[in-house]
Amino acid sequence: CDEGSLNSTQVAGKVVLCFAGEKDPSAQYDTAASTVLAAGGVGIIFAMHTTNVFDASPQLPYVQVDYEISTEILAYIQATG
């Protein structure tokens, strides 16, 4: 969910799964939210280490999940298309 990384045709009207990297997850959420919004997304599932939970002023509806749960979500997405 880095800036410019999403295809608006695929994202418009959808909730997007984004993975935080090693950097500050709060800052990465802000970038992800802006990117998803610009692409027409309606929400974010934000995957990160659970010890890094943060409060965000949501630009979009979002939920924070740990990497284990997010990989299960990703597997479901890939299996169902």
N, C-alpha and C. Protein backbone atom coordinates (compact mmCIF):
# COMPACT_ATOMS: atom_id res chain seq x y z
N CYS A 1 0.81 -1.20 0.00
CA CYS A 1 0.00 0.00 0.00
C CYS A 1 0.86 1.26 0.00
N ASP A 2 2.00 1.15 -0.63
CA ASP A 2 2.84 2.33 -0.78
C ASP A 2 2.22 3.27 -1.81
N GLU A 3 2.58 4.51 -1.71
CA GLU A 3 2.05 5.52 -2.62
C GLU A 3 2.24 5.10 -4.08
N GLY A 4 1.16 5.14 -4.84
CA GLY A 4 1.21 4.81 -6.25
C GLY A 4 1.23 3.32 -6.56
N SER A 5 1.05 2.47 -5.56
CA SER A 5 1.19 1.03 -5.78
C SER A 5 -0.12 0.31 -6.08
N LEU A 6 -1.25 0.99 -5.97
CA LEU A 6 -2.53 0.31 -6.14
C LEU A 6 -3.20 0.68 -7.45
N ASN A 7 -3.87 -0.30 -8.03
CA ASN A 7 -4.63 -0.12 -9.26
C ASN A 7 -6.07 0.23 -8.87
N SER A 8 -6.51 1.42 -9.20
CA SER A 8 -7.84 1.86 -8.79
C SER A 8 -8.95 0.99 -9.36
N THR A 9 -8.72 0.37 -10.50
CA THR A 9 -9.73 -0.52 -11.08
C THR A 9 -9.95 -1.73 -10.17
N GLN A 10 -8.89 -2.22 -9.56
CA GLN A 10 -8.99 -3.39 -8.68
C GLN A 10 -9.40 -3.03 -7.26
N VAL A 11 -9.13 -1.81 -6.83
CA VAL A 11 -9.32 -1.41 -5.44
C VAL A 11 -10.65 -0.70 -5.19
N ALA A 12 -11.17 -0.02 -6.16
CA ALA A 12 -12.37 0.80 -5.98
C ALA A 12 -13.50 0.02 -5.32
N GLY A 13 -14.00 0.56 -4.22
CA GLY A 13 -15.13 -0.04 -3.52
C GLY A 13 -14.78 -1.23 -2.64
N LYS A 14 -13.49 -1.49 -2.45
CA LYS A 14 -13.08 -2.68 -1.70
C LYS A 14 -12.29 -2.31 -0.44
N VAL A 15 -12.23 -3.28 0.46
CA VAL A 15 -11.36 -3.19 1.64
C VAL A 15 -10.03 -3.80 1.23
N VAL A 16 -8.94 -3.11 1.56
CA VAL A 16 -7.61 -3.50 1.09
C VAL A 16 -6.77 -4.02 2.25
N LEU A 17 -6.09 -5.13 2.03
CA LEU A 17 -5.17 -5.70 3.01
C LEU A 17 -3.79 -5.08 2.79
N CYS A 18 -3.27 -4.41 3.81
CA CYS A 18 -1.96 -3.76 3.73
C CYS A 18 -1.05 -4.32 4.81
N PHE A 19 0.21 -4.54 4.46
CA PHE A 19 1.19 -5.06 5.41
C PHE A 19 2.17 -3.96 5.80
N ALA A 20 2.35 -3.76 7.11
CA ALA A 20 3.34 -2.80 7.60
C ALA A 20 4.71 -3.45 7.54
N GLY A 21 5.71 -2.66 7.26
CA GLY A 21 7.08 -3.16 7.23
C GLY A 21 7.77 -2.92 8.57
N GLU A 22 9.05 -2.72 8.51
CA GLU A 22 9.84 -2.54 9.72
C GLU A 22 9.77 -1.12 10.27
N LYS A 23 9.29 -0.19 9.48
CA LYS A 23 9.23 1.21 9.91
C LYS A 23 8.10 1.43 10.90
N ASP A 24 7.94 2.66 11.32
CA ASP A 24 6.88 3.08 12.23
C ASP A 24 5.51 2.75 11.62
N PRO A 25 4.75 1.84 12.25
CA PRO A 25 3.47 1.43 11.65
C PRO A 25 2.46 2.57 11.57
N SER A 26 2.52 3.50 12.49
CA SER A 26 1.58 4.62 12.46
C SER A 26 1.78 5.45 11.19
N ALA A 27 3.01 5.75 10.88
CA ALA A 27 3.31 6.52 9.66
C ALA A 27 2.94 5.71 8.42
N GLN A 28 3.20 4.41 8.47
CA GLN A 28 2.86 3.55 7.33
C GLN A 28 1.35 3.47 7.15
N TYR A 29 0.61 3.49 8.26
CA TYR A 29 -0.86 3.49 8.14
C TYR A 29 -1.32 4.75 7.42
N ASP A 30 -0.75 5.89 7.79
CA ASP A 30 -1.15 7.15 7.15
C ASP A 30 -0.92 7.08 5.64
N THR A 31 0.23 6.55 5.24
CA THR A 31 0.53 6.40 3.81
C THR A 31 -0.45 5.43 3.16
N ALA A 32 -0.68 4.30 3.83
CA ALA A 32 -1.60 3.29 3.29
C ALA A 32 -3.00 3.86 3.14
N ALA A 33 -3.46 4.58 4.15
CA ALA A 33 -4.81 5.15 4.10
C ALA A 33 -4.94 6.14 2.94
N SER A 34 -3.96 6.99 2.78
CA SER A 34 -3.99 7.95 1.67
C SER A 34 -3.99 7.24 0.32
N THR A 35 -3.17 6.20 0.22
CA THR A 35 -3.06 5.45 -1.04
C THR A 35 -4.36 4.72 -1.35
N VAL A 36 -4.93 4.08 -0.35
CA VAL A 36 -6.18 3.34 -0.55
C VAL A 36 -7.31 4.32 -0.90
N LEU A 37 -7.38 5.43 -0.20
CA LEU A 37 -8.40 6.44 -0.51
C LEU A 37 -8.26 6.94 -1.94
N ALA A 38 -7.04 7.25 -2.34
CA ALA A 38 -6.81 7.77 -3.69
C ALA A 38 -7.21 6.76 -4.76
N ALA A 39 -7.10 5.48 -4.43
CA ALA A 39 -7.45 4.43 -5.38
C ALA A 39 -8.93 4.06 -5.32
N GLY A 40 -9.67 4.67 -4.39
CA GLY A 40 -11.11 4.41 -4.30
C GLY A 40 -11.49 3.31 -3.34
N GLY A 41 -10.54 2.85 -2.53
CA GLY A 41 -10.85 1.82 -1.53
C GLY A 41 -11.73 2.37 -0.42
N VAL A 42 -12.42 1.46 0.27
CA VAL A 42 -13.36 1.88 1.31
C VAL A 42 -12.94 1.47 2.71
N GLY A 43 -11.83 0.76 2.84
CA GLY A 43 -11.37 0.35 4.16
C GLY A 43 -10.03 -0.35 4.07
N ILE A 44 -9.42 -0.56 5.25
CA ILE A 44 -8.10 -1.18 5.31
C ILE A 44 -8.07 -2.25 6.39
N ILE A 45 -7.48 -3.38 6.05
CA ILE A 45 -7.06 -4.37 7.05
C ILE A 45 -5.56 -4.16 7.13
N PHE A 46 -5.09 -3.68 8.27
CA PHE A 46 -3.69 -3.27 8.41
C PHE A 46 -2.93 -4.31 9.23
N ALA A 47 -2.05 -5.04 8.56
CA ALA A 47 -1.30 -6.13 9.18
C ALA A 47 0.02 -5.62 9.74
N MET A 48 0.29 -5.99 11.00
CA MET A 48 1.52 -5.55 11.66
C MET A 48 1.78 -6.39 12.89
N HIS A 49 2.91 -6.13 13.54
CA HIS A 49 3.20 -6.82 14.80
C HIS A 49 2.21 -6.34 15.85
N THR A 50 1.64 -7.26 16.60
CA THR A 50 0.62 -6.86 17.58
C THR A 50 1.20 -6.01 18.70
N THR A 51 2.49 -6.07 18.94
CA THR A 51 3.08 -5.25 19.99
C THR A 51 3.20 -3.79 19.58
N ASN A 52 2.94 -3.51 18.31
CA ASN A 52 3.05 -2.15 17.80
C ASN A 52 1.69 -1.47 17.63
N VAL A 53 0.69 -1.87 18.39
CA VAL A 53 -0.64 -1.30 18.24
C VAL A 53 -0.58 0.21 18.48
N PHE A 54 -1.31 0.95 17.67
CA PHE A 54 -1.31 2.41 17.76
C PHE A 54 -2.72 2.94 17.56
N ASP A 55 -2.92 4.16 17.99
CA ASP A 55 -4.18 4.85 17.73
C ASP A 55 -4.00 5.67 16.47
N ALA A 56 -4.94 5.56 15.58
CA ALA A 56 -4.89 6.34 14.35
C ALA A 56 -6.15 7.17 14.24
N SER A 57 -6.02 8.32 13.65
CA SER A 57 -7.22 9.07 13.33
C SER A 57 -7.63 8.58 11.95
N PRO A 58 -8.62 7.71 11.92
CA PRO A 58 -8.91 7.01 10.67
C PRO A 58 -9.42 7.91 9.56
N GLN A 59 -8.77 7.79 8.43
CA GLN A 59 -9.25 8.41 7.20
C GLN A 59 -10.28 7.49 6.56
N LEU A 60 -10.17 6.22 6.91
CA LEU A 60 -11.04 5.15 6.40
C LEU A 60 -11.33 4.20 7.55
N PRO A 61 -12.40 3.42 7.45
CA PRO A 61 -12.57 2.35 8.43
C PRO A 61 -11.37 1.40 8.34
N TYR A 62 -10.87 0.97 9.47
CA TYR A 62 -9.71 0.07 9.46
C TYR A 62 -9.72 -0.84 10.67
N VAL A 63 -8.97 -1.91 10.55
CA VAL A 63 -8.74 -2.81 11.66
C VAL A 63 -7.27 -3.21 11.63
N GLN A 64 -6.67 -3.29 12.81
CA GLN A 64 -5.29 -3.75 12.91
C GLN A 64 -5.31 -5.24 13.25
N VAL A 65 -4.52 -6.02 12.52
CA VAL A 65 -4.41 -7.45 12.78
C VAL A 65 -2.94 -7.83 12.81
N ASP A 66 -2.63 -8.95 13.47
CA ASP A 66 -1.24 -9.39 13.48
C ASP A 66 -0.93 -10.16 12.19
N TYR A 67 0.36 -10.43 12.00
CA TYR A 67 0.79 -11.08 10.76
C TYR A 67 0.20 -12.47 10.59
N GLU A 68 0.01 -13.20 11.67
CA GLU A 68 -0.56 -14.55 11.55
C GLU A 68 -1.98 -14.48 10.98
N ILE A 69 -2.79 -13.62 11.54
CA ILE A 69 -4.17 -13.47 11.05
C ILE A 69 -4.16 -12.94 9.62
N SER A 70 -3.28 -12.00 9.34
CA SER A 70 -3.26 -11.41 8.00
C SER A 70 -2.87 -12.42 6.93
N THR A 71 -2.00 -13.35 7.26
CA THR A 71 -1.65 -14.37 6.26
C THR A 71 -2.82 -15.32 6.01
N GLU A 72 -3.63 -15.55 7.03
CA GLU A 72 -4.84 -16.35 6.84
C GLU A 72 -5.84 -15.59 5.96
N ILE A 73 -5.96 -14.30 6.18
CA ILE A 73 -6.84 -13.47 5.34
C ILE A 73 -6.35 -13.49 3.90
N LEU A 74 -5.04 -13.33 3.72
CA LEU A 74 -4.47 -13.34 2.37
C LEU A 74 -4.71 -14.68 1.68
N ALA A 75 -4.55 -15.77 2.40
CA ALA A 75 -4.80 -17.09 1.82
C ALA A 75 -6.27 -17.22 1.39
N TYR A 76 -7.17 -16.69 2.19
CA TYR A 76 -8.60 -16.72 1.84
C TYR A 76 -8.85 -15.89 0.57
N ILE A 77 -8.26 -14.70 0.52
CA ILE A 77 -8.44 -13.85 -0.66
C ILE A 77 -7.94 -14.56 -1.91
N GLN A 78 -6.77 -15.16 -1.80
CA GLN A 78 -6.19 -15.85 -2.95
C GLN A 78 -7.01 -17.07 -3.36
N ALA A 79 -7.61 -17.74 -2.39
CA ALA A 79 -8.39 -18.94 -2.69
C ALA A 79 -9.75 -18.61 -3.31
N THR A 80 -10.28 -17.44 -2.97
CA THR A 80 -11.62 -17.10 -3.44
C THR A 80 -11.62 -16.12 -4.60
N GLY A 81 -10.45 -15.59 -4.92
CA GLY A 81 -10.32 -14.70 -6.06
C GLY A 81 -10.87 -13.37 -5.79
